[in-house]
């Protein structure tokens, strides 16, 4: 999105350059404009460089989030399996009286 905006601003800058070249009745002198335009171009190049750095950083962050999502899904699955095992395989708690009764029945 930033790259698209930068491209649009570059086109606008080019149109401005052309209109300034054809328009000699501007308030500023050509010397002042010639000093202003390189500074503007330098700022535009700086912004383009920052956008490229941001894009690289965002790719790195996106990759880290992808890895995080994979690990989170794996941990979530293992936790669910663990809870399932705990709930289904817990030993039954029998009172002492019930055990005595069962022993008598078996004897």
PDB file of N, CA and C in Angstrom:
ATOM      1  N   UNK A   1       0.827  -1.184   0.000  1.00  0.00           N
ATOM      2  CA  UNK A   1       0.000   0.000   0.000  1.00  0.00           C
ATOM      3  C   UNK A   1       0.875   1.253   0.000  1.00  0.00           C
ATOM      4  N   UNK A   2       1.921   1.234   0.845  1.00  0.00           N
ATOM      5  CA  UNK A   2       2.841   2.370   0.883  1.00  0.00           C
ATOM      6  C   UNK A   2       3.564   2.542  -0.449  1.00  0.00           C
ATOM      7  N   UNK A   3       3.922   1.416  -1.060  1.00  0.00           N
ATOM      8  CA  UNK A   3       4.595   1.495  -2.358  1.00  0.00           C
ATOM      9  C   UNK A   3       3.680   2.119  -3.404  1.00  0.00           C
ATOM     10  N   UNK A   4       2.402   1.756  -3.370  1.00  0.00           N
ATOM     11  CA  UNK A   4       1.451   2.338  -4.324  1.00  0.00           C
ATOM     12  C   UNK A   4       1.304   3.833  -4.090  1.00  0.00           C
ATOM     13  N   UNK A   5       1.241   4.241  -2.832  1.00  0.00           N
ATOM     14  CA  UNK A   5       1.141   5.667  -2.527  1.00  0.00           C
ATOM     15  C   UNK A   5       2.399   6.403  -2.974  1.00  0.00           C
ATOM     16  N   UNK A   6       3.563   5.766  -2.765  1.00  0.00           N
ATOM     17  CA  UNK A   6       4.818   6.377  -3.182  1.00  0.00           C
ATOM     18  C   UNK A   6       4.867   6.536  -4.695  1.00  0.00           C
ATOM     19  N   UNK A   7       4.383   5.545  -5.429  1.00  0.00           N
ATOM     20  CA  UNK A   7       4.344   5.631  -6.886  1.00  0.00           C
ATOM     21  C   UNK A   7       3.421   6.765  -7.322  1.00  0.00           C
ATOM     22  N   UNK A   8       2.272   6.880  -6.675  1.00  0.00           N
ATOM     23  CA  UNK A   8       1.336   7.954  -7.008  1.00  0.00           C
ATOM     24  C   UNK A   8       1.961   9.316  -6.726  1.00  0.00           C
ATOM     25  N   UNK A   9       2.648   9.446  -5.612  1.00  0.00           N
ATOM     26  CA  UNK A   9       3.300  10.716  -5.270  1.00  0.00           C
ATOM     27  C   UNK A   9       4.418  11.023  -6.256  1.00  0.00           C
ATOM     28  N   UNK A  10       5.117  10.001  -6.723  1.00  0.00           N
ATOM     29  CA  UNK A  10       6.172  10.213  -7.718  1.00  0.00           C
ATOM     30  C   UNK A  10       5.588  10.755  -9.011  1.00  0.00           C
ATOM     31  N   UNK A  11       4.463  10.196  -9.426  1.00  0.00           N
ATOM     32  CA  UNK A  11       3.800  10.679 -10.641  1.00  0.00           C
ATOM     33  C   UNK A  11       3.359  12.124 -10.461  1.00  0.00           C
ATOM     34  N   UNK A  12       2.824  12.433  -9.279  1.00  0.00           N
ATOM     35  CA  UNK A  12       2.405  13.802  -8.997  1.00  0.00           C
ATOM     36  C   UNK A  12       3.603  14.740  -9.038  1.00  0.00           C
ATOM     37  N   UNK A  13       4.742  14.285  -8.505  1.00  0.00           N
ATOM     38  CA  UNK A  13       5.957  15.091  -8.518  1.00  0.00           C
ATOM     39  C   UNK A  13       6.420  15.347  -9.953  1.00  0.00           C
ATOM     40  N   UNK A  14       6.363  14.317 -10.772  1.00  0.00           N
ATOM     41  CA  UNK A  14       6.752  14.476 -12.177  1.00  0.00           C
ATOM     42  C   UNK A  14       5.835  15.482 -12.882  1.00  0.00           C
ATOM     43  N   UNK A  15       4.540  15.389 -12.609  1.00  0.00           N
ATOM     44  CA  UNK A  15       3.602  16.347 -13.202  1.00  0.00           C
ATOM     45  C   UNK A  15       3.908  17.759 -12.727  1.00  0.00           C
ATOM     46  N   UNK A  16       4.253  17.879 -11.445  1.00  0.00           N
ATOM     47  CA  UNK A  16       4.621  19.183 -10.898  1.00  0.00           C
ATOM     48  C   UNK A  16       5.859  19.737 -11.579  1.00  0.00           C
ATOM     49  N   UNK A  17       6.855  18.877 -11.783  1.00  0.00           N
ATOM     50  CA  UNK A  17       8.074  19.303 -12.474  1.00  0.00           C
ATOM     51  C   UNK A  17       7.741  19.827 -13.864  1.00  0.00           C
ATOM     52  N   UNK A  18       6.902  19.078 -14.581  1.00  0.00           N
ATOM     53  CA  UNK A  18       6.531  19.478 -15.940  1.00  0.00           C
ATOM     54  C   UNK A  18       5.768  20.795 -15.946  1.00  0.00           C
ATOM     55  N   UNK A  19       4.835  20.928 -15.006  1.00  0.00           N
ATOM     56  CA  UNK A  19       4.053  22.164 -14.985  1.00  0.00           C
ATOM     57  C   UNK A  19       4.918  23.353 -14.581  1.00  0.00           C
ATOM     58  N   UNK A  20       5.908  23.138 -13.727  1.00  0.00           N
ATOM     59  CA  UNK A  20       6.819  24.223 -13.350  1.00  0.00           C
ATOM     60  C   UNK A  20       7.726  24.610 -14.516  1.00  0.00           C
ATOM     61  N   UNK A  21       8.089  23.619 -15.299  1.00  0.00           N
ATOM     62  CA  UNK A  21       8.942  23.903 -16.450  1.00  0.00           C
ATOM     63  C   UNK A  21       8.193  24.755 -17.475  1.00  0.00           C
ATOM     64  N   UNK A  22       6.901  24.489 -17.653  1.00  0.00           N
ATOM     65  CA  UNK A  22       6.108  25.236 -18.624  1.00  0.00           C
ATOM     66  C   UNK A  22       5.570  26.551 -18.061  1.00  0.00           C
ATOM     67  N   UNK A  23       5.497  26.648 -16.774  1.00  0.00           N
ATOM     68  CA  UNK A  23       4.907  27.826 -16.143  1.00  0.00           C
ATOM     69  C   UNK A  23       6.021  28.746 -15.649  1.00  0.00           C
ATOM     70  N   UNK A  24       6.308  29.748 -16.382  1.00  0.00           N
ATOM     71  CA  UNK A  24       7.393  30.662 -16.009  1.00  0.00           C
ATOM     72  C   UNK A  24       6.904  31.812 -15.142  1.00  0.00           C
ATOM     73  N   UNK A  25       5.606  31.862 -14.895  1.00  0.00           N
ATOM     74  CA  UNK A  25       5.063  32.961 -14.108  1.00  0.00           C
ATOM     75  C   UNK A  25       4.853  32.568 -12.647  1.00  0.00           C
ATOM     76  N   UNK A  26       5.656  31.658 -12.160  1.00  0.00           N
ATOM     77  CA  UNK A  26       5.500  31.246 -10.764  1.00  0.00           C
ATOM     78  C   UNK A  26       6.061  32.319  -9.850  1.00  0.00           C
ATOM     79  N   UNK A  27       5.670  32.250  -8.592  1.00  0.00           N
ATOM     80  CA  UNK A  27       6.092  33.248  -7.617  1.00  0.00           C
ATOM     81  C   UNK A  27       7.562  33.099  -7.262  1.00  0.00           C
ATOM     82  N   UNK A  28       8.079  31.889  -7.306  1.00  0.00           N
ATOM     83  CA  UNK A  28       9.475  31.659  -6.952  1.00  0.00           C
ATOM     84  C   UNK A  28      10.352  31.772  -8.190  1.00  0.00           C
ATOM     85  N   UNK A  29      11.561  32.112  -7.969  1.00  0.00           N
ATOM     86  CA  UNK A  29      12.500  32.215  -9.084  1.00  0.00           C
ATOM     87  C   UNK A  29      12.918  30.811  -9.510  1.00  0.00           C
ATOM     88  N   UNK A  30      13.349  30.638 -10.735  1.00  0.00           N
ATOM     89  CA  UNK A  30      13.801  29.317 -11.197  1.00  0.00           C
ATOM     90  C   UNK A  30      14.963  28.781 -10.360  1.00  0.00           C
ATOM     91  N   UNK A  31      15.798  29.672  -9.854  1.00  0.00           N
ATOM     92  CA  UNK A  31      16.924  29.231  -9.028  1.00  0.00           C
ATOM     93  C   UNK A  31      16.416  28.594  -7.725  1.00  0.00           C
ATOM     94  N   UNK A  32      15.403  29.226  -7.128  1.00  0.00           N
ATOM     95  CA  UNK A  32      14.840  28.686  -5.888  1.00  0.00           C
ATOM     96  C   UNK A  32      14.191  27.336  -6.144  1.00  0.00           C
ATOM     97  N   UNK A  33      13.495  27.228  -7.267  1.00  0.00           N
ATOM     98  CA  UNK A  33      12.866  25.947  -7.607  1.00  0.00           C
ATOM     99  C   UNK A  33      13.908  24.878  -7.883  1.00  0.00           C
ATOM    100  N   UNK A  34      14.990  25.268  -8.544  1.00  0.00           N
ATOM    101  CA  UNK A  34      16.023  24.272  -8.846  1.00  0.00           C
ATOM    102  C   UNK A  34      16.702  23.780  -7.565  1.00  0.00           C
ATOM    103  N   UNK A  35      16.737  24.596  -6.519  1.00  0.00           N
ATOM    104  CA  UNK A  35      17.278  24.161  -5.229  1.00  0.00           C
ATOM    105  C   UNK A  35      16.271  23.300  -4.470  1.00  0.00           C
ATOM    106  N   UNK A  36      15.007  23.601  -4.650  1.00  0.00           N
ATOM    107  CA  UNK A  36      13.941  22.911  -3.932  1.00  0.00           C
ATOM    108  C   UNK A  36      13.704  21.512  -4.484  1.00  0.00           C
ATOM    109  N   UNK A  37      13.775  21.368  -5.797  1.00  0.00           N
ATOM    110  CA  UNK A  37      13.459  20.086  -6.434  1.00  0.00           C
ATOM    111  C   UNK A  37      14.441  18.973  -6.055  1.00  0.00           C
ATOM    112  N   UNK A  38      15.752  19.202  -6.046  1.00  0.00           N
ATOM    113  CA  UNK A  38      16.651  18.103  -5.628  1.00  0.00           C
ATOM    114  C   UNK A  38      16.400  17.666  -4.182  1.00  0.00           C
ATOM    115  N   UNK A  39      16.086  18.632  -3.325  1.00  0.00           N
ATOM    116  CA  UNK A  39      15.785  18.291  -1.937  1.00  0.00           C
ATOM    117  C   UNK A  39      14.541  17.411  -1.858  1.00  0.00           C
ATOM    118  N   UNK A  40      13.545  17.755  -2.644  1.00  0.00           N
ATOM    119  CA  UNK A  40      12.321  16.956  -2.683  1.00  0.00           C
ATOM    120  C   UNK A  40      12.597  15.561  -3.228  1.00  0.00           C
ATOM    121  N   UNK A  41      13.419  15.484  -4.257  1.00  0.00           N
ATOM    122  CA  UNK A  41      13.777  14.170  -4.815  1.00  0.00           C
ATOM    123  C   UNK A  41      14.566  13.344  -3.798  1.00  0.00           C
ATOM    124  N   UNK A  42      15.442  14.006  -3.042  1.00  0.00           N
ATOM    125  CA  UNK A  42      16.212  13.306  -2.019  1.00  0.00           C
ATOM    126  C   UNK A  42      15.286  12.764  -0.923  1.00  0.00           C
ATOM    127  N   UNK A  43      14.310  13.558  -0.534  1.00  0.00           N
ATOM    128  CA  UNK A  43      13.334  13.096   0.453  1.00  0.00           C
ATOM    129  C   UNK A  43      12.540  11.906  -0.080  1.00  0.00           C
ATOM    130  N   UNK A  44      12.172  11.981  -1.340  1.00  0.00           N
ATOM    131  CA  UNK A  44      11.411  10.887  -1.952  1.00  0.00           C
ATOM    132  C   UNK A  44      12.251   9.606  -1.982  1.00  0.00           C
ATOM    133  N   UNK A  45      13.540   9.732  -2.315  1.00  0.00           N
ATOM    134  CA  UNK A  45      14.428   8.561  -2.310  1.00  0.00           C
ATOM    135  C   UNK A  45      14.581   7.992  -0.901  1.00  0.00           C
ATOM    136  N   UNK A  46      14.657   8.887   0.079  1.00  0.00           N
ATOM    137  CA  UNK A  46      14.762   8.448   1.474  1.00  0.00           C
ATOM    138  C   UNK A  46      13.519   7.672   1.885  1.00  0.00           C
ATOM    139  N   UNK A  47      12.357   8.167   1.496  1.00  0.00           N
ATOM    140  CA  UNK A  47      11.099   7.475   1.821  1.00  0.00           C
ATOM    141  C   UNK A  47      11.047   6.121   1.120  1.00  0.00           C
ATOM    142  N   UNK A  48      11.487   6.077  -0.128  1.00  0.00           N
ATOM    143  CA  UNK A  48      11.500   4.797  -0.854  1.00  0.00           C
ATOM    144  C   UNK A  48      12.416   3.801  -0.156  1.00  0.00           C
ATOM    145  N   UNK A  49      13.547   4.270   0.347  1.00  0.00           N
ATOM    146  CA  UNK A  49      14.470   3.395   1.080  1.00  0.00           C
ATOM    147  C   UNK A  49      13.835   2.899   2.380  1.00  0.00           C
ATOM    148  N   UNK A  50      13.149   3.789   3.079  1.00  0.00           N
ATOM    149  CA  UNK A  50      12.490   3.397   4.323  1.00  0.00           C
ATOM    150  C   UNK A  50      11.383   2.382   4.062  1.00  0.00           C
ATOM    151  N   UNK A  51      10.666   2.550   2.969  1.00  0.00           N
ATOM    152  CA  UNK A  51       9.604   1.598   2.612  1.00  0.00           C
ATOM    153  C   UNK A  51      10.214   0.231   2.325  1.00  0.00           C
ATOM    154  N   UNK A  52      11.357   0.209   1.633  1.00  0.00           N
ATOM    155  CA  UNK A  52      12.021  -1.065   1.336  1.00  0.00           C
ATOM    156  C   UNK A  52      12.473  -1.745   2.634  1.00  0.00           C
ATOM    157  N   UNK A  53      13.021  -0.970   3.570  1.00  0.00           N
ATOM    158  CA  UNK A  53      13.435  -1.527   4.854  1.00  0.00           C
ATOM    159  C   UNK A  53      12.233  -2.048   5.633  1.00  0.00           C
ATOM    160  N   UNK A  54      11.149  -1.299   5.597  1.00  0.00           N
ATOM    161  CA  UNK A  54       9.928  -1.717   6.286  1.00  0.00           C
ATOM    162  C   UNK A  54       9.386  -3.008   5.691  1.00  0.00           C
ATOM    163  N   UNK A  55       9.448  -3.112   4.380  1.00  0.00           N
ATOM    164  CA  UNK A  55       8.969  -4.319   3.708  1.00  0.00           C
ATOM    165  C   UNK A  55       9.788  -5.533   4.150  1.00  0.00           C
ATOM    166  N   UNK A  56      11.105  -5.369   4.225  1.00  0.00           N
ATOM    167  CA  UNK A  56      11.977  -6.457   4.672  1.00  0.00           C
ATOM    168  C   UNK A  56      11.649  -6.847   6.116  1.00  0.00           C
ATOM    169  N   UNK A  57      11.485  -5.841   6.965  1.00  0.00           N
ATOM    170  CA  UNK A  57      11.149  -6.110   8.367  1.00  0.00           C
ATOM    171  C   UNK A  57       9.808  -6.818   8.480  1.00  0.00           C
ATOM    172  N   UNK A  58       8.840  -6.393   7.704  1.00  0.00           N
ATOM    173  CA  UNK A  58       7.511  -6.996   7.767  1.00  0.00           C
ATOM    174  C   UNK A  58       7.550  -8.445   7.289  1.00  0.00           C
ATOM    175  N   UNK A  59       8.385  -8.737   6.301  1.00  0.00           N
ATOM    176  CA  UNK A  59       8.510 -10.114   5.848  1.00  0.00           C
ATOM    177  C   UNK A  59       9.080 -10.985   6.966  1.00  0.00           C
ATOM    178  N   UNK A  60      10.054 -10.454   7.686  1.00  0.00           N
ATOM    179  CA  UNK A  60      10.641 -11.187   8.802  1.00  0.00           C
ATOM    180  C   UNK A  60       9.609 -11.412   9.903  1.00  0.00           C
ATOM    181  N   UNK A  61       8.859 -10.382  10.233  1.00  0.00           N
ATOM    182  CA  UNK A  61       7.836 -10.495  11.273  1.00  0.00           C
ATOM    183  C   UNK A  61       6.752 -11.481  10.846  1.00  0.00           C
ATOM    184  N   UNK A  62       6.364 -11.429   9.585  1.00  0.00           N
ATOM    185  CA  UNK A  62       5.346 -12.348   9.069  1.00  0.00           C
ATOM    186  C   UNK A  62       5.823 -13.790   9.181  1.00  0.00           C
ATOM    187  N   UNK A  63       7.087 -14.028   8.866  1.00  0.00           N
ATOM    188  CA  UNK A  63       7.649 -15.381   8.975  1.00  0.00           C
ATOM    189  C   UNK A  63       7.654 -15.839  10.434  1.00  0.00           C
ATOM    190  N   UNK A  64       8.015 -14.945  11.353  1.00  0.00           N
ATOM    191  CA  UNK A  64       8.015 -15.293  12.773  1.00  0.00           C
ATOM    192  C   UNK A  64       6.603 -15.604  13.264  1.00  0.00           C
ATOM    193  N   UNK A  65       5.609 -14.854  12.805  1.00  0.00           N
ATOM    194  CA  UNK A  65       4.222 -15.127  13.204  1.00  0.00           C
ATOM    195  C   UNK A  65       3.758 -16.465  12.634  1.00  0.00           C
ATOM    196  N   UNK A  66       4.197 -16.803  11.415  1.00  0.00           N
ATOM    197  CA  UNK A  66       3.822 -18.083  10.816  1.00  0.00           C
ATOM    198  C   UNK A  66       4.364 -19.226  11.672  1.00  0.00           C
ATOM    199  N   UNK A  67       5.624 -19.114  12.089  1.00  0.00           N
ATOM    200  CA  UNK A  67       6.232 -20.136  12.944  1.00  0.00           C
ATOM    201  C   UNK A  67       5.491 -20.205  14.280  1.00  0.00           C
ATOM    202  N   UNK A  68       5.167 -19.047  14.840  1.00  0.00           N
ATOM    203  CA  UNK A  68       4.426 -19.003  16.114  1.00  0.00           C
ATOM    204  C   UNK A  68       3.082 -19.713  15.967  1.00  0.00           C
ATOM    205  N   UNK A  69       2.360 -19.424  14.878  1.00  0.00           N
ATOM    206  CA  UNK A  69       1.055 -20.061  14.667  1.00  0.00           C
ATOM    207  C   UNK A  69       1.177 -21.574  14.574  1.00  0.00           C
ATOM    208  N   UNK A  70       2.216 -22.061  13.891  1.00  0.00           N
ATOM    209  CA  UNK A  70       2.413 -23.511  13.775  1.00  0.00           C
ATOM    210  C   UNK A  70       2.679 -24.138  15.144  1.00  0.00           C
ATOM    211  N   UNK A  71       3.566 -23.517  15.913  1.00  0.00           N
ATOM    212  CA  UNK A  71       3.908 -24.052  17.235  1.00  0.00           C
ATOM    213  C   UNK A  71       2.698 -23.975  18.165  1.00  0.00           C
ATOM    214  N   UNK A  72       1.949 -22.871  18.087  1.00  0.00           N
ATOM    215  CA  UNK A  72       0.758 -22.726  18.925  1.00  0.00           C
ATOM    216  C   UNK A  72      -0.270 -23.812  18.601  1.00  0.00           C
ATOM    217  N   UNK A  73      -0.468 -24.092  17.324  1.00  0.00           N
ATOM    218  CA  UNK A  73      -1.421 -25.134  16.937  1.00  0.00           C
ATOM    219  C   UNK A  73      -0.972 -26.497  17.473  1.00  0.00           C
ATOM    220  N   UNK A  74       0.333 -26.766  17.399  1.00  0.00           N
ATOM    221  CA  UNK A  74       0.856 -28.035  17.898  1.00  0.00           C
ATOM    222  C   UNK A  74       0.677 -28.148  19.419  1.00  0.00           C
ATOM    223  N   UNK A  75       0.996 -27.086  20.137  1.00  0.00           N
ATOM    224  CA  UNK A  75       0.837 -27.091  21.606  1.00  0.00           C
ATOM    225  C   UNK A  75      -0.632 -27.236  21.971  1.00  0.00           C
ATOM    226  N   UNK A  76      -1.494 -26.549  21.248  1.00  0.00           N
ATOM    227  CA  UNK A  76      -2.934 -26.630  21.508  1.00  0.00           C
ATOM    228  C   UNK A  76      -3.441 -28.062  21.301  1.00  0.00           C
ATOM    229  N   UNK A  77      -2.993 -28.703  20.240  1.00  0.00           N
ATOM    230  CA  UNK A  77      -3.393 -30.081  19.969  1.00  0.00           C
ATOM    231  C   UNK A  77      -2.903 -31.028  21.071  1.00  0.00           C
ATOM    232  N   UNK A  78      -1.652 -30.869  21.481  1.00  0.00           N
ATOM    233  CA  UNK A  78      -1.110 -31.736  22.540  1.00  0.00           C
ATOM    234  C   UNK A  78      -1.823 -31.504  23.863  1.00  0.00           C
ATOM    235  N   UNK A  79      -2.158 -30.258  24.151  1.00  0.00           N
ATOM    236  CA  UNK A  79      -2.895 -29.952  25.388  1.00  0.00           C
ATOM    237  C   UNK A  79      -4.271 -30.598  25.364  1.00  0.00           C
ATOM    238  N   UNK A  80      -4.932 -30.529  24.228  1.00  0.00           N
ATOM    239  CA  UNK A  80      -6.254 -31.151  24.094  1.00  0.00           C
ATOM    240  C   UNK A  80      -6.163 -32.661  24.283  1.00  0.00           C
ATOM    241  N   UNK A  81      -5.150 -33.278  23.680  1.00  0.00           N
ATOM    242  CA  UNK A  81      -4.961 -34.723  23.846  1.00  0.00           C
ATOM    243  C   UNK A  81      -4.682 -35.080  25.302  1.00  0.00           C
ATOM    244  N   UNK A  82      -3.857 -34.284  25.964  1.00  0.00           N
ATOM    245  CA  UNK A  82      -3.534 -34.518  27.364  1.00  0.00           C
ATOM    246  C   UNK A  82      -4.790 -34.436  28.228  1.00  0.00           C
ATOM    247  N   UNK A  83      -5.602 -33.405  28.005  1.00  0.00           N
ATOM    248  CA  UNK A  83      -6.837 -33.261  28.781  1.00  0.00           C
ATOM    249  C   UNK A  83      -7.791 -34.421  28.518  1.00  0.00           C
ATOM    250  N   UNK A  84      -7.845 -34.872  27.269  1.00  0.00           N
ATOM    251  CA  UNK A  84      -8.690 -36.017  26.926  1.00  0.00           C
ATOM    252  C   UNK A  84      -8.231 -37.252  27.704  1.00  0.00           C
ATOM    253  N   UNK A  85      -6.918 -37.489  27.707  1.00  0.00           N
ATOM    254  CA  UNK A  85      -6.381 -38.655  28.414  1.00  0.00           C
ATOM    255  C   UNK A  85      -6.656 -38.566  29.910  1.00  0.00           C
ATOM    256  N   UNK A  86      -6.468 -37.404  30.475  1.00  0.00           N
ATOM    257  CA  UNK A  86      -6.717 -37.247  31.911  1.00  0.00           C
ATOM    258  C   UNK A  86      -8.178 -37.535  32.242  1.00  0.00           C
ATOM    259  N   UNK A  87      -9.076 -37.021  31.420  1.00  0.00           N
ATOM    260  CA  UNK A  87     -10.507 -37.194  31.697  1.00  0.00           C
ATOM    261  C   UNK A  87     -10.986 -38.625  31.479  1.00  0.00           C
ATOM    262  N   UNK A  88     -10.393 -39.346  30.536  1.00  0.00           N
ATOM    263  CA  UNK A  88     -10.878 -40.682  30.219  1.00  0.00           C
ATOM    264  C   UNK A  88     -10.131 -41.814  30.913  1.00  0.00           C
ATOM    265  N   UNK A  89      -8.952 -41.546  31.398  1.00  0.00           N
ATOM    266  CA  UNK A  89      -8.158 -42.620  31.989  1.00  0.00           C
ATOM    267  C   UNK A  89      -7.857 -42.404  33.465  1.00  0.00           C
ATOM    268  N   UNK A  90      -8.595 -41.559  34.107  1.00  0.00           N
ATOM    269  CA  UNK A  90      -8.308 -41.379  35.531  1.00  0.00           C
ATOM    270  C   UNK A  90      -8.876 -42.575  36.305  1.00  0.00           C
ATOM    271  N   UNK A  91      -8.133 -42.979  37.299  1.00  0.00           N
ATOM    272  CA  UNK A  91      -8.582 -44.148  38.064  1.00  0.00           C
ATOM    273  C   UNK A  91      -9.848 -43.820  38.854  1.00  0.00           C
ATOM    274  N   UNK A  92     -10.688 -44.833  38.946  1.00  0.00           N
ATOM    275  CA  UNK A  92     -11.917 -44.617  39.706  1.00  0.00           C
ATOM    276  C   UNK A  92     -11.590 -44.660  41.189  1.00  0.00           C
ATOM    277  N   UNK A  93     -12.186 -43.760  41.894  1.00  0.00           N
ATOM    278  CA  UNK A  93     -11.972 -43.681  43.333  1.00  0.00           C
ATOM    279  C   UNK A  93     -13.123 -44.428  43.994  1.00  0.00           C
ATOM    280  N   UNK A  94     -12.733 -45.474  44.714  1.00  0.00           N
ATOM    281  CA  UNK A  94     -13.744 -46.302  45.359  1.00  0.00           C
ATOM    282  C   UNK A  94     -13.534 -46.190  46.866  1.00  0.00           C
ATOM    283  N   UNK A  95     -14.622 -46.139  47.563  1.00  0.00           N
ATOM    284  CA  UNK A  95     -14.516 -46.036  49.026  1.00  0.00           C
ATOM    285  C   UNK A  95     -14.038 -47.367  49.610  1.00  0.00           C
ATOM    286  N   UNK A  96     -13.565 -47.296  50.807  1.00  0.00           N
ATOM    287  CA  UNK A  96     -13.066 -48.485  51.495  1.00  0.00           C
ATOM    288  C   UNK A  96     -14.191 -49.500  51.709  1.00  0.00           C
ATOM    289  N   UNK A  97     -15.373 -49.025  52.030  1.00  0.00           N
ATOM    290  CA  UNK A  97     -16.527 -49.909  52.238  1.00  0.00           C
ATOM    291  C   UNK A  97     -16.872 -50.646  50.953  1.00  0.00           C
ATOM    292  N   UNK A  98     -16.837 -49.929  49.821  1.00  0.00           N
ATOM    293  CA  UNK A  98     -17.163 -50.558  48.544  1.00  0.00           C
ATOM    294  C   UNK A  98     -16.125 -51.625  48.199  1.00  0.00           C
ATOM    295  N   UNK A  99     -14.845 -51.353  48.501  1.00  0.00           N
ATOM    296  CA  UNK A  99     -13.803 -52.347  48.251  1.00  0.00           C
ATOM    297  C   UNK A  99     -14.002 -53.590  49.111  1.00  0.00           C
ATOM    298  N   UNK A 100     -14.362 -53.407  50.353  1.00  0.00           N
ATOM    299  CA  UNK A 100     -14.603 -54.552  51.244  1.00  0.00           C
ATOM    300  C   UNK A 100     -15.764 -55.390  50.745  1.00  0.00           C
ATOM    301  N   UNK A 101     -16.814 -54.726  50.263  1.00  0.00           N
ATOM    302  CA  UNK A 101     -17.972 -55.430  49.737  1.00  0.00           C
ATOM    303  C   UNK A 101     -17.596 -56.237  48.495  1.00  0.00           C
ATOM    304  N   UNK A 102     -16.761 -55.598  47.624  1.00  0.00           N
ATOM    305  CA  UNK A 102     -16.361 -56.276  46.394  1.00  0.00           C
ATOM    306  C   UNK A 102     -15.485 -57.486  46.719  1.00  0.00           C
ATOM    307  N   UNK A 103     -14.632 -57.388  47.723  1.00  0.00           N
ATOM    308  CA  UNK A 103     -13.788 -58.516  48.124  1.00  0.00           C
ATOM    309  C   UNK A 103     -14.654 -59.664  48.617  1.00  0.00           C
ATOM    310  N   UNK A 104     -15.661 -59.373  49.425  1.00  0.00           N
ATOM    311  CA  UNK A 104     -16.567 -60.411  49.931  1.00  0.00           C
ATOM    312  C   UNK A 104     -17.302 -61.074  48.798  1.00  0.00           C
ATOM    313  N   UNK A 105     -17.747 -60.284  47.817  1.00  0.00           N
ATOM    314  CA  UNK A 105     -18.463 -60.834  46.664  1.00  0.00           C
ATOM    315  C   UNK A 105     -17.548 -61.736  45.862  1.00  0.00           C
ATOM    316  N   UNK A 106     -16.342 -61.347  45.673  1.00  0.00           N
ATOM    317  CA  UNK A 106     -15.401 -62.157  44.889  1.00  0.00           C
ATOM    318  C   UNK A 106     -15.021 -63.437  45.643  1.00  0.00           C
ATOM    319  N   UNK A 107     -14.964 -63.380  46.952  1.00  0.00           N
ATOM    320  CA  UNK A 107     -14.616 -64.581  47.725  1.00  0.00           C
ATOM    321  C   UNK A 107     -15.768 -65.575  47.655  1.00  0.00           C
TER     322      UNK A 107
END
